[in-house]
Amino acid sequence: MTAPLGITMGCPAGVGPEIIVKALAHHRAGGSMPFVVLGDKAMLKRACKSTGLDHMAERIRKWSPGMEPEPGAINVMPVTDLSERQVPWGRVTETTGQAAYACINEAITLCMEHKLAGMVTAPINKEGLRLAGVEFPGHTEILAHRTGTARYAMMLAGPRLRVTLVTIHCALKEVAPSLTTEKILELINTTHKALTDLFRIESPRLAVAALNPHAGEGGMFGDEESRIIAPAVVQASATGIEVSGPWPPDTVFHAAWNGSYDAVVCMYHDQGLIPFKLVHFDDGVNITLGLPIIRTSVDHGTAYDIAGTGRASASSMKAAMDMAAMFAQNTLPPQLMPHDRAYH
């Protein structure tokens, strides 16, 4: 039996439970790959009610590692036992932080033990983790620590645009001093490996974005392009990777959108995420590269302002589930490929 993919519930007071039940009810995510939820049965039942999917509450089934998930059901491994009174919609507390953290940890353990084929994460809240006494600010840091991964990267991927980031959560004034040729070269290599191994693109074409306007305009607007970025591109090209740049940021994303590149390596957070979210706000997927396990995620937050209303879109969750299933199928040995069986 092929191990299923796991979905972590995220913050139980946010939209995570709602987008999970919506995705499982309305979307054949992943085709033949089964999914199980690591979370809380009561929170998922509440989400079924708030989204108008009361009939799905009757389809919640308890799942344990080694069991075959039931097709058409919401298969749940209970990690917590919460009540609606403990978890009001839209309110972050120590309890919500503890619950979210417990689900993530359980999913990582099962992935490392090969009892799950990978994990899809619903949104969590950094304040909730802090209130729960968790030392890590988010998913990526938890995953890196638990899997012993020192070098990892973030990719945002949609149907037509993929971006990776050299620097992520740092002030804009700290970006230029943080850039090194080694970091950029490492990200080019990591991006290339992801495109070949996970996406099964035979000869990926990478573009590297410049840091400064007009790619520095020959040094008029900065010399990071010639001093730091271009040497990384040259070194990567010498190893056989099809990579070019540094390209002016105001044109490179248009070229990638039109199919000239399979991914754009970006220098900082907003450089990559502004164009990406402009075109893939509803169907974008957050992927952690470099881990020994598969991890995809929605590219939005807990949306406390609409939690419990049933209005949250499940589009990003569906896309994250589909992508995790594709990665799992692309990396499974042929003898372990799942049979053609329709799971919801």
C-alpha atoms as a PDB file:
ATOM      1  CA  MET A   1       0.000   0.000   0.000  1.00  0.00           C
ATOM      2  CA  THR A   2       1.274   3.469  -0.902  1.00  0.00           C
ATOM      3  CA  ALA A   3       1.553   5.820   2.056  1.00  0.00           C
ATOM      4  CA  PRO A   4      -0.990   8.674   1.902  1.00  0.00           C
ATOM      5  CA  LEU A   5      -0.185  12.367   1.940  1.00  0.00           C
ATOM      6  CA  GLY A   6      -0.871  14.264   5.142  1.00  0.00           C
ATOM      7  CA  ILE A   7      -2.614  17.628   5.556  1.00  0.00           C
ATOM      8  CA  THR A   8      -1.940  19.520   8.772  1.00  0.00           C
ATOM      9  CA  MET A   9      -4.932  21.395  10.172  1.00  0.00           C
ATOM     10  CA  GLY A  10      -3.100  24.666  10.777  1.00  0.00           C
ATOM     11  CA  CYS A  11      -4.449  27.098  13.356  1.00  0.00           C
ATOM     12  CA  PRO A  12      -7.858  25.704  14.388  1.00  0.00           C
ATOM     13  CA  ALA A  13      -9.215  29.242  14.886  1.00  0.00           C
ATOM     14  CA  GLY A  14      -8.308  30.256  11.335  1.00  0.00           C
ATOM     15  CA  VAL A  15      -9.557  29.205   7.922  1.00  0.00           C
ATOM     16  CA  GLY A  16      -7.402  26.071   7.782  1.00  0.00           C
ATOM     17  CA  PRO A  17     -10.109  23.567   8.783  1.00  0.00           C
ATOM     18  CA  GLU A  18     -12.584  25.203   6.392  1.00  0.00           C
ATOM     19  CA  ILE A  19     -10.357  25.140   3.325  1.00  0.00           C
ATOM     20  CA  ILE A  20      -9.405  21.544   4.094  1.00  0.00           C
ATOM     21  CA  VAL A  21     -12.985  20.269   4.193  1.00  0.00           C
ATOM     22  CA  LYS A  22     -13.843  22.324   1.096  1.00  0.00           C
ATOM     23  CA  ALA A  23     -10.900  20.882  -0.803  1.00  0.00           C
ATOM     24  CA  LEU A  24     -11.697  17.324   0.230  1.00  0.00           C
ATOM     25  CA  ALA A  25     -15.399  17.728  -0.549  1.00  0.00           C
ATOM     26  CA  HIS A  26     -15.187  19.437  -3.923  1.00  0.00           C
ATOM     27  CA  HIS A  27     -11.893  18.488  -5.463  1.00  0.00           C
ATOM     28  CA  ARG A  28     -10.282  15.246  -6.544  1.00  0.00           C
ATOM     29  CA  ALA A  29      -6.940  16.555  -5.357  1.00  0.00           C
ATOM     30  CA  GLY A  30      -4.020  14.451  -6.464  1.00  0.00           C
ATOM     31  CA  GLY A  31      -6.061  11.971  -8.503  1.00  0.00           C
ATOM     32  CA  SER A  32      -5.067   8.562  -7.195  1.00  0.00           C
ATOM     33  CA  MET A  33      -3.064   9.794  -4.185  1.00  0.00           C
ATOM     34  CA  PRO A  34      -4.997   9.498  -0.903  1.00  0.00           C
ATOM     35  CA  PHE A  35      -4.977  12.235   1.752  1.00  0.00           C
ATOM     36  CA  VAL A  36      -5.377  12.159   5.516  1.00  0.00           C
ATOM     37  CA  VAL A  37      -5.784  15.107   7.883  1.00  0.00           C
ATOM     38  CA  LEU A  38      -3.690  15.471  11.007  1.00  0.00           C
ATOM     39  CA  GLY A  39      -5.880  17.534  13.247  1.00  0.00           C
ATOM     40  CA  ASP A  40      -8.971  17.560  15.420  1.00  0.00           C
ATOM     41  CA  LYS A  41     -12.277  15.867  14.633  1.00  0.00           C
ATOM     42  CA  ALA A  42     -14.395  18.456  16.470  1.00  0.00           C
ATOM     43  CA  MET A  43     -12.730  21.357  14.657  1.00  0.00           C
ATOM     44  CA  LEU A  44     -13.265  19.678  11.288  1.00  0.00           C
ATOM     45  CA  LYS A  45     -16.920  18.952  12.110  1.00  0.00           C
ATOM     46  CA  ARG A  46     -17.356  22.626  13.002  1.00  0.00           C
ATOM     47  CA  ALA A  47     -15.757  23.578   9.689  1.00  0.00           C
ATOM     48  CA  CYS A  48     -18.184  21.314   7.830  1.00  0.00           C
ATOM     49  CA  LYS A  49     -21.061  23.250   9.394  1.00  0.00           C
ATOM     50  CA  SER A  50     -19.620  26.711   8.749  1.00  0.00           C
ATOM     51  CA  THR A  51     -18.999  25.891   5.081  1.00  0.00           C
ATOM     52  CA  GLY A  52     -22.440  24.356   4.532  1.00  0.00           C
ATOM     53  CA  LEU A  53     -20.953  20.885   4.091  1.00  0.00           C
ATOM     54  CA  ASP A  54     -22.869  19.276   6.953  1.00  0.00           C
ATOM     55  CA  HIS A  55     -23.030  15.980   5.062  1.00  0.00           C
ATOM     56  CA  MET A  56     -19.244  15.742   5.146  1.00  0.00           C
ATOM     57  CA  ALA A  57     -19.283  15.772   8.949  1.00  0.00           C
ATOM     58  CA  GLU A  58     -20.875  12.335   8.729  1.00  0.00           C
ATOM     59  CA  ARG A  59     -17.976  11.200   6.524  1.00  0.00           C
ATOM     60  CA  ILE A  60     -15.230  11.909   9.071  1.00  0.00           C
ATOM     61  CA  ARG A  61     -13.322   8.697   9.782  1.00  0.00           C
ATOM     62  CA  LYS A  62     -10.516   8.008  12.243  1.00  0.00           C
ATOM     63  CA  TRP A  63      -7.252   7.066  10.570  1.00  0.00           C
ATOM     64  CA  SER A  64      -4.092   5.538  12.004  1.00  0.00           C
ATOM     65  CA  PRO A  65      -0.729   4.920  10.301  1.00  0.00           C
ATOM     66  CA  GLY A  66      -0.838   1.714   8.290  1.00  0.00           C
ATOM     67  CA  MET A  67      -4.570   1.953   7.561  1.00  0.00           C
ATOM     68  CA  GLU A  68      -5.817   2.487   4.023  1.00  0.00           C
ATOM     69  CA  PRO A  69      -7.751   5.780   3.851  1.00  0.00           C
ATOM     70  CA  GLU A  70     -11.427   5.429   2.991  1.00  0.00           C
ATOM     71  CA  PRO A  71     -12.256   6.939  -0.424  1.00  0.00           C
ATOM     72  CA  GLY A  72     -14.713   9.831  -0.284  1.00  0.00           C
ATOM     73  CA  ALA A  73     -14.262  10.329   3.465  1.00  0.00           C
ATOM     74  CA  ILE A  74     -12.379  12.890   5.544  1.00  0.00           C
ATOM     75  CA  ASN A  75      -9.763  10.577   7.035  1.00  0.00           C
ATOM     76  CA  VAL A  76      -8.454  12.116  10.257  1.00  0.00           C
ATOM     77  CA  MET A  77      -5.636  11.200  12.561  1.00  0.00           C
ATOM     78  CA  PRO A  78      -6.723  12.894  15.823  1.00  0.00           C
ATOM     79  CA  VAL A  79      -3.787  14.845  17.212  1.00  0.00           C
ATOM     80  CA  THR A  80      -5.779  17.057  19.597  1.00  0.00           C
ATOM     81  CA  ASP A  81      -9.149  16.870  21.353  1.00  0.00           C
ATOM     82  CA  LEU A  82     -10.542  20.396  21.392  1.00  0.00           C
ATOM     83  CA  SER A  83     -13.978  21.899  21.940  1.00  0.00           C
ATOM     84  CA  GLU A  84     -15.609  24.867  20.225  1.00  0.00           C
ATOM     85  CA  ARG A  85     -15.620  26.688  23.562  1.00  0.00           C
ATOM     86  CA  GLN A  86     -11.829  26.368  23.785  1.00  0.00           C
ATOM     87  CA  VAL A  87     -11.279  27.677  20.263  1.00  0.00           C
ATOM     88  CA  PRO A  88     -13.435  30.674  19.246  1.00  0.00           C
ATOM     89  CA  TRP A  89     -13.203  31.496  15.558  1.00  0.00           C
ATOM     90  CA  GLY A  90     -10.632  34.150  14.686  1.00  0.00           C
ATOM     91  CA  ARG A  91      -8.878  34.349  18.046  1.00  0.00           C
ATOM     92  CA  VAL A  92      -5.242  33.338  18.505  1.00  0.00           C
ATOM     93  CA  THR A  93      -4.420  31.774  21.889  1.00  0.00           C
ATOM     94  CA  GLU A  94      -1.875  29.515  23.514  1.00  0.00           C
ATOM     95  CA  THR A  95      -4.239  26.602  22.837  1.00  0.00           C
ATOM     96  CA  THR A  96      -4.419  27.282  19.105  1.00  0.00           C
ATOM     97  CA  GLY A  97      -0.641  27.596  18.907  1.00  0.00           C
ATOM     98  CA  GLN A  98      -0.128  24.319  20.763  1.00  0.00           C
ATOM     99  CA  ALA A  99      -2.603  22.526  18.500  1.00  0.00           C
ATOM    100  CA  ALA A 100      -1.033  23.810  15.283  1.00  0.00           C
ATOM    101  CA  TYR A 101       2.461  22.885  16.477  1.00  0.00           C
ATOM    102  CA  ALA A 102       1.384  19.395  17.541  1.00  0.00           C
ATOM    103  CA  CYS A 103      -0.098  18.672  14.092  1.00  0.00           C
ATOM    104  CA  ILE A 104       3.051  19.832  12.309  1.00  0.00           C
ATOM    105  CA  ASN A 105       5.295  17.739  14.538  1.00  0.00           C
ATOM    106  CA  GLU A 106       3.186  14.631  14.061  1.00  0.00           C
ATOM    107  CA  ALA A 107       3.192  15.038  10.287  1.00  0.00           C
ATOM    108  CA  ILE A 108       6.975  15.468  10.188  1.00  0.00           C
ATOM    109  CA  THR A 109       7.464  12.346  12.300  1.00  0.00           C
ATOM    110  CA  LEU A 110       5.242  10.258  10.024  1.00  0.00           C
ATOM    111  CA  CYS A 111       6.951  11.612   6.903  1.00  0.00           C
ATOM    112  CA  MET A 112      10.385  10.782   8.305  1.00  0.00           C
ATOM    113  CA  GLU A 113       9.135   7.281   9.132  1.00  0.00           C
ATOM    114  CA  HIS A 114       7.744   6.948   5.560  1.00  0.00           C
ATOM    115  CA  LYS A 115       4.222   6.499   6.922  1.00  0.00           C
ATOM    116  CA  LEU A 116       3.204   9.603   4.991  1.00  0.00           C
ATOM    117  CA  ALA A 117       4.381  10.315   1.451  1.00  0.00           C
ATOM    118  CA  GLY A 118       4.602  14.052   2.176  1.00  0.00           C
ATOM    119  CA  MET A 119       2.777  16.865   3.911  1.00  0.00           C
ATOM    120  CA  VAL A 120       0.553  19.788   2.939  1.00  0.00           C
ATOM    121  CA  THR A 121       0.271  22.526   5.528  1.00  0.00           C
ATOM    122  CA  ALA A 122      -2.664  24.813   6.284  1.00  0.00           C
ATOM    123  CA  PRO A 123      -1.813  28.300   7.612  1.00  0.00           C
ATOM    124  CA  ILE A 124      -0.585  28.911  11.146  1.00  0.00           C
ATOM    125  CA  ASN A 125      -0.081  32.071  13.191  1.00  0.00           C
ATOM    126  CA  LYS A 126       3.351  33.141  14.416  1.00  0.00           C
ATOM    127  CA  GLU A 127       1.880  34.802  17.519  1.00  0.00           C
ATOM    128  CA  GLY A 128       0.117  31.558  18.376  1.00  0.00           C
ATOM    129  CA  LEU A 129       3.405  29.669  18.262  1.00  0.00           C
ATOM    130  CA  ARG A 130       4.980  32.300  20.508  1.00  0.00           C
ATOM    131  CA  LEU A 131       2.129  32.095  23.024  1.00  0.00           C
ATOM    132  CA  ALA A 132       2.576  28.306  23.053  1.00  0.00           C
ATOM    133  CA  GLY A 133       6.258  28.701  23.898  1.00  0.00           C
ATOM    134  CA  VAL A 134       7.472  27.477  20.505  1.00  0.00           C
ATOM    135  CA  GLU A 135      10.925  28.862  19.676  1.00  0.00           C
ATOM    136  CA  PHE A 136      10.446  28.724  15.911  1.00  0.00           C
ATOM    137  CA  PRO A 137       8.663  31.515  13.995  1.00  0.00           C
ATOM    138  CA  GLY A 138       7.057  29.323  11.334  1.00  0.00           C
ATOM    139  CA  HIS A 139       6.724  26.113   9.359  1.00  0.00           C
ATOM    140  CA  THR A 140      10.020  26.346   7.504  1.00  0.00           C
ATOM    141  CA  GLU A 141      12.150  26.693  10.611  1.00  0.00           C
ATOM    142  CA  ILE A 142      10.307  23.846  12.355  1.00  0.00           C
ATOM    143  CA  LEU A 143      10.753  21.590   9.335  1.00  0.00           C
ATOM    144  CA  ALA A 144      14.433  22.442   8.967  1.00  0.00           C
ATOM    145  CA  HIS A 145      15.126  21.764  12.658  1.00  0.00           C
ATOM    146  CA  ARG A 146      13.179  18.501  12.829  1.00  0.00           C
ATOM    147  CA  THR A 147      14.712  17.123   9.619  1.00  0.00           C
ATOM    148  CA  GLY A 148      18.244  18.345  10.325  1.00  0.00           C
ATOM    149  CA  THR A 149      18.276  20.474   7.177  1.00  0.00           C
ATOM    150  CA  ALA A 150      20.842  23.272   7.141  1.00  0.00           C
ATOM    151  CA  ARG A 151      20.293  24.477   3.571  1.00  0.00           C
ATOM    152  CA  TYR A 152      16.756  25.039   2.409  1.00  0.00           C
ATOM    153  CA  ALA A 153      14.888  27.453   0.189  1.00  0.00           C
ATOM    154  CA  MET A 154      11.407  28.780  -0.516  1.00  0.00           C
ATOM    155  CA  MET A 155       9.768  28.404  -3.895  1.00  0.00           C
ATOM    156  CA  LEU A 156       6.425  29.886  -4.863  1.00  0.00           C
ATOM    157  CA  ALA A 157       4.925  27.992  -7.778  1.00  0.00           C
ATOM    158  CA  GLY A 158       1.869  28.410  -9.954  1.00  0.00           C
ATOM    159  CA  PRO A 159       0.794  27.114 -13.356  1.00  0.00           C
ATOM    160  CA  ARG A 160       2.839  29.737 -15.230  1.00  0.00           C
ATOM    161  CA  LEU A 161       5.326  31.325 -12.834  1.00  0.00           C
ATOM    162  CA  ARG A 162       7.815  29.963 -10.307  1.00  0.00           C
ATOM    163  CA  VAL A 163      10.110  32.038  -8.116  1.00  0.00           C
ATOM    164  CA  THR A 164      12.777  31.258  -5.514  1.00  0.00           C
ATOM    165  CA  LEU A 165      14.279  33.720  -3.037  1.00  0.00           C
ATOM    166  CA  VAL A 166      17.896  34.272  -2.006  1.00  0.00           C
ATOM    167  CA  THR A 167      16.853  36.323   1.046  1.00  0.00           C
ATOM    168  CA  ILE A 168      13.434  35.921   2.648  1.00  0.00           C
ATOM    169  CA  HIS A 169      12.402  37.644   5.863  1.00  0.00           C
ATOM    170  CA  CYS A 170      14.819  40.520   6.319  1.00  0.00           C
ATOM    171  CA  ALA A 171      14.598  44.296   6.073  1.00  0.00           C
ATOM    172  CA  LEU A 172      15.121  45.762   2.615  1.00  0.00           C
ATOM    173  CA  LYS A 173      18.204  47.670   3.831  1.00  0.00           C
ATOM    174  CA  GLU A 174      19.761  44.323   4.814  1.00  0.00           C
ATOM    175  CA  VAL A 175      19.270  42.623   1.437  1.00  0.00           C
ATOM    176  CA  ALA A 176      22.354  43.907  -0.410  1.00  0.00           C
ATOM    177  CA  PRO A 177      24.786  43.212   2.473  1.00  0.00           C
ATOM    178  CA  SER A 178      23.281  39.705   2.793  1.00  0.00           C
ATOM    179  CA  LEU A 179      23.926  38.691  -0.819  1.00  0.00           C
ATOM    180  CA  THR A 180      26.921  36.531  -1.654  1.00  0.00           C
ATOM    181  CA  THR A 181      27.940  34.696  -4.792  1.00  0.00           C
ATOM    182  CA  GLU A 182      27.898  31.457  -2.797  1.00  0.00           C
ATOM    183  CA  LYS A 183      24.279  31.954  -1.647  1.00  0.00           C
ATOM    184  CA  ILE A 184      23.073  32.755  -5.145  1.00  0.00           C
ATOM    185  CA  LEU A 185      24.942  29.809  -6.672  1.00  0.00           C
ATOM    186  CA  GLU A 186      23.506  27.491  -4.025  1.00  0.00           C
ATOM    187  CA  LEU A 187      19.967  28.685  -4.778  1.00  0.00           C
ATOM    188  CA  ILE A 188      20.472  28.262  -8.520  1.00  0.00           C
ATOM    189  CA  ASN A 189      21.557  24.659  -7.886  1.00  0.00           C
ATOM    190  CA  THR A 190      18.650  24.012  -5.486  1.00  0.00           C
ATOM    191  CA  THR A 191      16.125  25.488  -7.918  1.00  0.00           C
ATOM    192  CA  HIS A 192      17.512  23.442 -10.815  1.00  0.00           C
ATOM    193  CA  LYS A 193      17.354  20.236  -8.757  1.00  0.00           C
ATOM    194  CA  ALA A 194      13.744  20.905  -7.737  1.00  0.00           C
ATOM    195  CA  LEU A 195      12.673  21.529 -11.321  1.00  0.00           C
ATOM    196  CA  THR A 196      14.293  18.317 -12.526  1.00  0.00           C
ATOM    197  CA  ASP A 197      13.467  16.012  -9.592  1.00  0.00           C
ATOM    198  CA  LEU A 198      10.063  17.266  -8.440  1.00  0.00           C
ATOM    199  CA  PHE A 199       8.594  18.918 -11.538  1.00  0.00           C
ATOM    200  CA  ARG A 200      10.268  16.501 -13.988  1.00  0.00           C
ATOM    201  CA  ILE A 201      11.397  19.286 -16.319  1.00  0.00           C
ATOM    202  CA  GLU A 202      14.152  17.719 -18.405  1.00  0.00           C
ATOM    203  CA  SER A 203      16.222  20.842 -19.162  1.00  0.00           C
ATOM    204  CA  PRO A 204      15.082  23.673 -16.869  1.00  0.00           C
ATOM    205  CA  ARG A 205      15.687  27.241 -17.987  1.00  0.00           C
ATOM    206  CA  LEU A 206      16.507  29.602 -15.113  1.00  0.00           C
ATOM    207  CA  ALA A 207      16.615  33.379 -15.078  1.00  0.00           C
ATOM    208  CA  VAL A 208      18.375  35.297 -12.325  1.00  0.00           C
ATOM    209  CA  ALA A 209      16.931  38.690 -11.432  1.00  0.00           C
ATOM    210  CA  ALA A 210      19.192  41.647 -10.814  1.00  0.00           C
ATOM    211  CA  LEU A 211      19.077  43.563  -7.552  1.00  0.00           C
ATOM    212  CA  ASN A 212      19.147  47.114  -8.907  1.00  0.00           C
ATOM    213  CA  PRO A 213      17.044  48.957 -11.517  1.00  0.00           C
ATOM    214  CA  HIS A 214      18.161  48.233 -15.097  1.00  0.00           C
ATOM    215  CA  ALA A 215      20.492  45.536 -13.692  1.00  0.00           C
ATOM    216  CA  GLY A 216      22.702  48.307 -12.314  1.00  0.00           C
ATOM    217  CA  GLU A 217      23.047  50.117 -15.681  1.00  0.00           C
ATOM    218  CA  GLY A 218      26.742  49.343 -15.937  1.00  0.00           C
ATOM    219  CA  GLY A 219      27.422  50.287 -12.326  1.00  0.00           C
ATOM    220  CA  MET A 220      25.488  53.567 -12.310  1.00  0.00           C
ATOM    221  CA  PHE A 221      22.881  52.206  -9.874  1.00  0.00           C
ATOM    222  CA  GLY A 222      24.994  49.696  -7.970  1.00  0.00           C
ATOM    223  CA  ASP A 223      27.654  47.081  -8.631  1.00  0.00           C
ATOM    224  CA  GLU A 224      26.094  43.995  -7.018  1.00  0.00           C
ATOM    225  CA  GLU A 225      25.261  42.639 -10.472  1.00  0.00           C
ATOM    226  CA  SER A 226      28.850  42.527 -11.729  1.00  0.00           C
ATOM    227  CA  ARG A 227      30.487  41.890  -8.366  1.00  0.00           C
ATOM    228  CA  ILE A 228      28.173  39.260  -6.802  1.00  0.00           C
ATOM    229  CA  ILE A 229      25.354  38.026  -9.029  1.00  0.00           C
ATOM    230  CA  ALA A 230      27.005  37.551 -12.439  1.00  0.00           C
ATOM    231  CA  PRO A 231      29.826  35.348 -11.045  1.00  0.00           C
ATOM    232  CA  ALA A 232      27.214  32.957  -9.616  1.00  0.00           C
ATOM    233  CA  VAL A 233      25.502  32.740 -13.003  1.00  0.00           C
ATOM    234  CA  VAL A 234      28.833  32.041 -14.725  1.00  0.00           C
ATOM    235  CA  GLN A 235      29.772  29.323 -12.228  1.00  0.00           C
ATOM    236  CA  ALA A 236      26.363  27.640 -12.523  1.00  0.00           C
ATOM    237  CA  SER A 237      26.511  27.764 -16.321  1.00  0.00           C
ATOM    238  CA  ALA A 238      29.919  26.081 -16.225  1.00  0.00           C
ATOM    239  CA  THR A 239      28.319  23.045 -14.558  1.00  0.00           C
ATOM    240  CA  GLY A 240      25.798  22.645 -17.385  1.00  0.00           C
ATOM    241  CA  ILE A 241      22.817  24.462 -15.877  1.00  0.00           C
ATOM    242  CA  GLU A 242      20.871  26.554 -18.398  1.00  0.00           C
ATOM    243  CA  VAL A 243      20.820  29.830 -16.492  1.00  0.00           C
ATOM    244  CA  SER A 244      21.139  33.458 -17.554  1.00  0.00           C
ATOM    245  CA  GLY A 245      21.180  36.901 -16.003  1.00  0.00           C
ATOM    246  CA  PRO A 246      21.236  39.046 -14.051  1.00  0.00           C
ATOM    247  CA  TRP A 247      18.179  40.407 -15.860  1.00  0.00           C
ATOM    248  CA  PRO A 248      16.379  43.687 -15.078  1.00  0.00           C
ATOM    249  CA  PRO A 249      13.608  42.855 -12.602  1.00  0.00           C
ATOM    250  CA  ASP A 250      11.037  44.972 -14.455  1.00  0.00           C
ATOM    251  CA  THR A 251      11.170  42.690 -17.528  1.00  0.00           C
ATOM    252  CA  VAL A 252      12.289  39.245 -16.393  1.00  0.00           C
ATOM    253  CA  PHE A 253       8.935  38.223 -14.880  1.00  0.00           C
ATOM    254  CA  HIS A 254       7.117  39.133 -18.082  1.00  0.00           C
ATOM    255  CA  ALA A 255       9.504  36.865 -19.980  1.00  0.00           C
ATOM    256  CA  ALA A 256       8.966  34.032 -17.487  1.00  0.00           C
ATOM    257  CA  TRP A 257       5.186  34.471 -17.642  1.00  0.00           C
ATOM    258  CA  ASN A 258       5.374  34.115 -21.413  1.00  0.00           C
ATOM    259  CA  GLY A 259       7.275  30.836 -21.163  1.00  0.00           C
ATOM    260  CA  SER A 260      10.899  31.869 -21.702  1.00  0.00           C
ATOM    261  CA  TYR A 261      11.972  30.555 -18.275  1.00  0.00           C
ATOM    262  CA  ASP A 262      10.880  27.778 -15.914  1.00  0.00           C
ATOM    263  CA  ALA A 263      11.785  29.749 -12.785  1.00  0.00           C
ATOM    264  CA  VAL A 264      13.176  33.103 -11.699  1.00  0.00           C
ATOM    265  CA  VAL A 265      15.798  33.277  -8.944  1.00  0.00           C
ATOM    266  CA  CYS A 266      15.028  36.463  -6.995  1.00  0.00           C
ATOM    267  CA  MET A 267      17.199  38.489  -4.650  1.00  0.00           C
ATOM    268  CA  TYR A 268      14.588  39.353  -2.023  1.00  0.00           C
ATOM    269  CA  HIS A 269      11.077  38.622  -0.768  1.00  0.00           C
ATOM    270  CA  ASP A 270       8.920  41.272  -2.425  1.00  0.00           C
ATOM    271  CA  GLN A 271      10.865  41.193  -5.681  1.00  0.00           C
ATOM    272  CA  GLY A 272       9.535  37.681  -6.268  1.00  0.00           C
ATOM    273  CA  LEU A 273       6.274  37.667  -4.353  1.00  0.00           C
ATOM    274  CA  ILE A 274       4.699  40.826  -5.729  1.00  0.00           C
ATOM    275  CA  PRO A 275       4.624  39.623  -9.353  1.00  0.00           C
ATOM    276  CA  PHE A 276       3.858  36.083  -8.239  1.00  0.00           C
ATOM    277  CA  LYS A 277       0.847  36.975  -6.120  1.00  0.00           C
ATOM    278  CA  LEU A 278      -0.396  39.388  -8.750  1.00  0.00           C
ATOM    279  CA  VAL A 279      -0.938  36.463 -11.123  1.00  0.00           C
ATOM    280  CA  HIS A 280      -1.223  33.453  -8.785  1.00  0.00           C
ATOM    281  CA  PHE A 281      -2.954  34.849  -5.708  1.00  0.00           C
ATOM    282  CA  ASP A 282      -5.603  32.115  -5.687  1.00  0.00           C
ATOM    283  CA  ASP A 283      -3.663  29.126  -7.007  1.00  0.00           C
ATOM    284  CA  GLY A 284      -0.111  29.701  -5.772  1.00  0.00           C
ATOM    285  CA  VAL A 285       1.736  27.083  -3.740  1.00  0.00           C
ATOM    286  CA  ASN A 286       4.535  27.544  -1.213  1.00  0.00           C
ATOM    287  CA  ILE A 287       7.167  24.782  -1.409  1.00  0.00           C
ATOM    288  CA  THR A 288      10.115  24.188   0.915  1.00  0.00           C
ATOM    289  CA  LEU A 289      13.074  22.983  -1.155  1.00  0.00           C
ATOM    290  CA  GLY A 290      16.043  21.073   0.212  1.00  0.00           C
ATOM    291  CA  LEU A 291      14.143  18.989   2.767  1.00  0.00           C
ATOM    292  CA  PRO A 292      14.342  15.180   2.824  1.00  0.00           C
ATOM    293  CA  ILE A 293      10.518  15.140   2.774  1.00  0.00           C
ATOM    294  CA  ILE A 294       7.859  16.695   0.536  1.00  0.00           C
ATOM    295  CA  ARG A 295       6.222  19.831   1.907  1.00  0.00           C
ATOM    296  CA  THR A 296       3.808  22.120   0.118  1.00  0.00           C
ATOM    297  CA  SER A 297       1.584  24.795   1.596  1.00  0.00           C
ATOM    298  CA  VAL A 298      -1.045  27.367   0.818  1.00  0.00           C
ATOM    299  CA  ASP A 299       0.436  30.783   0.080  1.00  0.00           C
ATOM    300  CA  HIS A 300      -1.896  32.725   2.416  1.00  0.00           C
ATOM    301  CA  GLY A 301      -2.414  33.224   6.121  1.00  0.00           C
ATOM    302  CA  THR A 302      -5.015  32.300   8.723  1.00  0.00           C
ATOM    303  CA  ALA A 303      -7.486  34.999   7.591  1.00  0.00           C
ATOM    304  CA  TYR A 304      -9.002  35.396  11.057  1.00  0.00           C
ATOM    305  CA  ASP A 305     -11.301  38.138   9.774  1.00  0.00           C
ATOM    306  CA  ILE A 306     -13.341  35.635   7.729  1.00  0.00           C
ATOM    307  CA  ALA A 307     -12.730  32.462   9.757  1.00  0.00           C
ATOM    308  CA  GLY A 308     -15.991  30.695  10.530  1.00  0.00           C
ATOM    309  CA  THR A 309     -17.931  32.415   7.744  1.00  0.00           C
ATOM    310  CA  GLY A 310     -17.326  29.740   5.112  1.00  0.00           C
ATOM    311  CA  ARG A 311     -16.100  32.385   2.659  1.00  0.00           C
ATOM    312  CA  ALA A 312     -12.428  31.339   2.493  1.00  0.00           C
ATOM    313  CA  SER A 313     -11.322  30.072  -0.909  1.00  0.00           C
ATOM    314  CA  ALA A 314      -9.862  26.571  -1.056  1.00  0.00           C
ATOM    315  CA  SER A 315      -8.095  27.207  -4.374  1.00  0.00           C
ATOM    316  CA  SER A 316      -4.598  27.433  -2.904  1.00  0.00           C
ATOM    317  CA  MET A 317      -5.190  24.354  -0.743  1.00  0.00           C
ATOM    318  CA  LYS A 318      -6.356  22.378  -3.775  1.00  0.00           C
ATOM    319  CA  ALA A 319      -3.285  23.507  -5.706  1.00  0.00           C
ATOM    320  CA  ALA A 320      -0.979  22.593  -2.811  1.00  0.00           C
ATOM    321  CA  MET A 321      -2.563  19.142  -2.592  1.00  0.00           C
ATOM    322  CA  ASP A 322      -2.259  18.574  -6.322  1.00  0.00           C
ATOM    323  CA  MET A 323       1.368  19.656  -6.294  1.00  0.00           C
ATOM    324  CA  ALA A 324       2.262  17.440  -3.332  1.00  0.00           C
ATOM    325  CA  ALA A 325       0.639  14.499  -5.106  1.00  0.00           C
ATOM    326  CA  MET A 326       2.594  15.253  -8.279  1.00  0.00           C
ATOM    327  CA  PHE A 327       5.856  15.430  -6.326  1.00  0.00           C
ATOM    328  CA  ALA A 328       5.100  12.156  -4.539  1.00  0.00           C
ATOM    329  CA  GLN A 329       4.283  10.382  -7.783  1.00  0.00           C
ATOM    330  CA  ASN A 330       7.354  11.844  -9.520  1.00  0.00           C
ATOM    331  CA  THR A 331       9.677  10.605  -6.777  1.00  0.00           C
ATOM    332  CA  LEU A 332       8.125   7.188  -6.070  1.00  0.00           C
ATOM    333  CA  PRO A 333       9.829   4.097  -7.499  1.00  0.00           C
ATOM    334  CA  PRO A 334       7.649   2.566 -10.276  1.00  0.00           C
ATOM    335  CA  GLN A 335       6.771  -0.480  -8.151  1.00  0.00           C
ATOM    336  CA  LEU A 336       5.293   1.801  -5.493  1.00  0.00           C
ATOM    337  CA  MET A 337       3.172   3.932  -7.822  1.00  0.00           C
ATOM    338  CA  PRO A 338      -0.442   4.059  -6.565  1.00  0.00           C
ATOM    339  CA  HIS A 339      -3.122   2.151  -8.390  1.00  0.00           C
ATOM    340  CA  ASP A 340      -5.599   4.167 -10.430  1.00  0.00           C
ATOM    341  CA  ARG A 341      -8.104   4.673  -7.670  1.00  0.00           C
ATOM    342  CA  ALA A 342     -10.135   7.822  -7.217  1.00  0.00           C
ATOM    343  CA  TYR A 343      -9.690   9.479  -3.835  1.00  0.00           C
ATOM    344  CA  HIS A 344     -11.256  12.762  -2.767  1.00  0.00           C
END
